[in-house]
């Protein structure tokens, strides 16, 4: 991938408040965008457990440098809200997370206006991306559902404004949850059969979850069990943070590798430029590079 876009200056505005009347805490977002450019596509990003709008700067900044407006909400599970596993509110946070993304999407015009981007962003070109718990949250917006204890699929949370997405380290099926996960995270039972929106799934070949008894292939379920069109980027040595997506200094980064973070960011940017019908050159180049590469990362599509 070319690094020329990294000279592109970007600007961030935070915090902006998004209307969410039934929420116990204000819903705030950060907006990152290139300093110049028109007709900019939008990424709404859902963070992993306990993070906030201030996390994932390596991704947001790189996406903005390639021409995206990136909107990052702080979900209720953020450390700054102090809602732990034992808080009675925790059981429904997965639903509040989905509602957060709906609120961001439904109020996007006003948020872009407040950020001074209303004439530069393209509200017809919207993608949703998430990491870890955020990937399951984003998956719901793409059409995945949550199975109840009897295996019955729950509500359809898909949003018509979103035409593509990317899921990074997304939860697999719920039939192999550890006892802790089954008790505290019963919503981690995704049904991907209804996830029809085009999406890129990103999985690490060494991502061994503490929440499932299955191996790293658990994180490829979102690709294998959903209808086409889908693509899968597998990074052989990647662990759960795929090099440090949430930030270089993050304590939970176990596989620190700035090049890996750049690969994830650039692959998602390239995929979304193609899926949003803006430009297919970078995605074509990335597929060619994968085919000619040494196997440290690979792309499959269906």
Foldseek 3Di string as FASTA:
>chain_A
DDCVLVVFAKDKDDWDFFDDPVDPDTKTKMKMATPDAAQAAEEEEEEAAQAANLWLCLQCSVLRSVRHIYIYIGFCRHVVNVQDLPHPCLQCSLVSSLVSVVRCLVCVLVVCVVVVNNGGYNQQQYEYEYAESRLVSSLLLLFKFFAAPVRHTDDRSHDPSHQEYEYEQYAAADPFFDPVCVVRPVRSHIQQAGREHEYEYEFELQAQDPTGPDGRCSSCRNPVRYDDFYKYKYQDHAYRCQQPSGDQPDPPDPRHDSVRNVVVSQQRSQVSCVSSPNDNVSNVVVQVCQVPDDPSMHMDGD
